[in-house]
Amino acid sequence: VQLVESGGGSVQAGGSLRLSCVASGYYYSSNCMGWFRQAPGKEREVVAVLYTGGGATMYADSVKGRLTISHDNAKNAVYLHMSSLQPEDTAMYYCATSKLWSLESSDFPYWGRGTQVTVS
């Protein structure tokens, strides 16, 4: 399984970004796709998860209303639409996938290498 993230960058506070994650190498039709982030000196935390089978989503309280997770099954892609970004959103953002519906990073066996988001 390979996950490749893109779309990170540097933005000013209040700005927007869209992160993309393209998955390959697995063949089950429904799975949980998640975005996690890790800031320097902090533990990795969940941002949002989505179940591709029905589109159900869950978000961390800190990002509700500002970040939106979506997917395109035809492209095996999941996206994170980020708006009203704040300096505290600065982190490495990782895409991950699991057969389990979960918010726990330990339940996700497959991870991308991450894409950096910096908000100043």
Protein backbone atom coordinates (compact mmCIF):
# COMPACT_ATOMS: atom_id res chain seq x y z
CA VAL A 1 0.00 0.00 0.00
CA GLN A 2 1.33 3.42 -0.94
CA LEU A 3 -0.02 6.78 0.10
CA VAL A 4 1.36 9.96 -1.41
CA GLU A 5 0.43 13.36 -0.01
CA SER A 6 0.75 16.71 -1.75
CA GLY A 7 -0.50 20.26 -1.47
CA GLY A 8 1.29 21.52 1.61
CA GLY A 9 2.99 24.88 1.72
CA SER A 10 3.37 28.17 3.53
CA VAL A 11 0.40 30.49 3.94
CA GLN A 12 -0.55 33.49 6.00
CA ALA A 13 -3.06 33.24 8.81
CA GLY A 14 -6.57 33.18 7.41
CA GLY A 15 -5.44 31.51 4.22
CA SER A 16 -6.45 28.23 2.62
CA LEU A 17 -4.84 25.07 1.31
CA ARG A 18 -6.04 21.80 -0.14
CA LEU A 19 -4.09 18.66 0.70
CA SER A 20 -4.36 15.60 -1.51
CA CYS A 21 -3.56 11.96 -0.86
CA VAL A 22 -3.53 9.33 -3.58
CA ALA A 23 -3.60 5.69 -2.53
CA SER A 24 -2.48 2.63 -4.43
CA GLY A 25 -1.71 -1.01 -3.87
CA TYR A 26 -4.85 -2.22 -2.12
CA TYR A 27 -8.13 -3.55 -3.43
CA TYR A 28 -10.83 -3.43 -0.76
CA SER A 29 -13.70 -1.22 -1.78
CA SER A 30 -14.38 0.40 1.59
CA ASN A 31 -11.92 1.66 4.12
CA CYS A 32 -11.20 4.46 6.54
CA MET A 33 -9.03 7.29 5.28
CA GLY A 34 -7.59 9.69 7.79
CA TRP A 35 -5.61 12.88 8.03
CA PHE A 36 -3.34 13.28 11.03
CA ARG A 37 -0.86 15.99 11.93
CA GLN A 38 2.20 16.34 14.09
CA ALA A 39 3.69 19.63 15.20
CA PRO A 40 7.28 19.89 16.45
CA GLY A 41 7.52 18.63 20.01
CA LYS A 42 3.95 17.36 20.03
CA GLU A 43 2.30 14.00 19.59
CA ARG A 44 0.60 13.03 16.38
CA GLU A 45 -3.11 13.86 16.48
CA VAL A 46 -6.09 13.02 14.35
CA VAL A 47 -7.52 15.81 12.18
CA ALA A 48 -10.30 14.08 10.27
CA VAL A 49 -11.34 10.63 9.10
CA LEU A 50 -13.66 9.46 6.35
CA TYR A 51 -15.21 6.08 5.55
CA THR A 52 -15.13 5.61 1.80
CA GLY A 53 -17.98 3.09 1.84
CA GLY A 54 -20.61 5.62 2.81
CA GLY A 55 -18.85 8.94 3.21
CA ALA A 56 -19.21 9.22 6.98
CA THR A 57 -16.78 11.70 8.51
CA MET A 58 -15.45 12.70 11.91
CA TYR A 59 -13.34 15.69 12.88
CA ALA A 60 -11.18 16.83 15.75
CA ASP A 61 -12.95 19.58 17.70
CA SER A 62 -10.11 21.99 16.98
CA VAL A 63 -10.73 21.92 13.22
CA LYS A 64 -14.51 21.65 12.96
CA GLY A 65 -15.90 24.27 10.64
CA ARG A 66 -12.50 25.07 9.12
CA LEU A 67 -11.27 21.81 7.61
CA THR A 68 -13.23 19.42 5.42
CA ILE A 69 -12.30 15.91 4.36
CA SER A 70 -13.57 14.52 1.09
CA HIS A 71 -12.78 11.69 -1.29
CA ASP A 72 -12.91 10.61 -4.90
CA ASN A 73 -13.23 6.84 -5.12
CA ALA A 74 -12.56 6.81 -8.85
CA LYS A 75 -9.15 8.39 -8.21
CA ASN A 76 -8.46 6.56 -4.94
CA ALA A 77 -7.88 10.00 -3.49
CA VAL A 78 -8.76 11.78 -0.27
CA TYR A 79 -8.54 15.51 0.24
CA LEU A 80 -8.32 17.91 3.16
CA HIS A 81 -9.73 21.33 2.41
CA MET A 82 -8.28 23.79 4.89
CA SER A 83 -9.56 27.32 5.41
CA SER A 84 -9.15 30.05 8.03
CA LEU A 85 -5.76 28.57 8.81
CA GLN A 86 -4.07 29.64 12.03
CA PRO A 87 -0.45 29.40 13.20
CA GLU A 88 -1.45 26.52 15.49
CA ASP A 89 -2.33 24.51 12.37
CA THR A 90 1.37 24.43 11.47
CA ALA A 91 2.41 20.78 11.35
CA MET A 92 3.37 17.88 9.15
CA TYR A 93 0.16 16.42 7.78
CA TYR A 94 -0.06 12.70 7.15
CA CYS A 95 -2.54 10.59 5.24
CA ALA A 96 -3.30 7.10 6.54
CA THR A 97 -5.64 4.24 5.78
CA SER A 98 -7.20 1.41 7.74
CA LYS A 99 -9.89 -1.20 7.39
CA LEU A 100 -11.12 -0.09 10.82
CA TRP A 101 -13.35 2.93 11.50
CA SER A 102 -11.17 4.68 14.06
CA LEU A 103 -9.70 7.95 15.29
CA GLU A 104 -6.67 6.21 16.81
CA SER A 105 -3.44 6.44 14.86
CA SER A 106 -2.44 3.01 16.15
CA ASP A 107 -5.34 1.50 14.16
CA PHE A 108 -3.89 2.78 10.89
CA PRO A 109 -1.24 0.46 9.46
CA TYR A 110 -0.47 2.41 6.31
CA TRP A 111 0.91 5.94 6.21
CA GLY A 112 2.23 8.45 3.73
CA ARG A 113 5.40 10.42 4.27
CA GLY A 114 3.59 13.65 5.01
CA THR A 115 3.31 17.15 3.62
CA GLN A 116 4.32 20.24 5.57
CA VAL A 117 1.86 23.04 6.31
CA THR A 118 3.25 26.27 7.75
CA VAL A 119 0.98 29.14 8.77
CA SER A 120 2.47 32.48 9.76
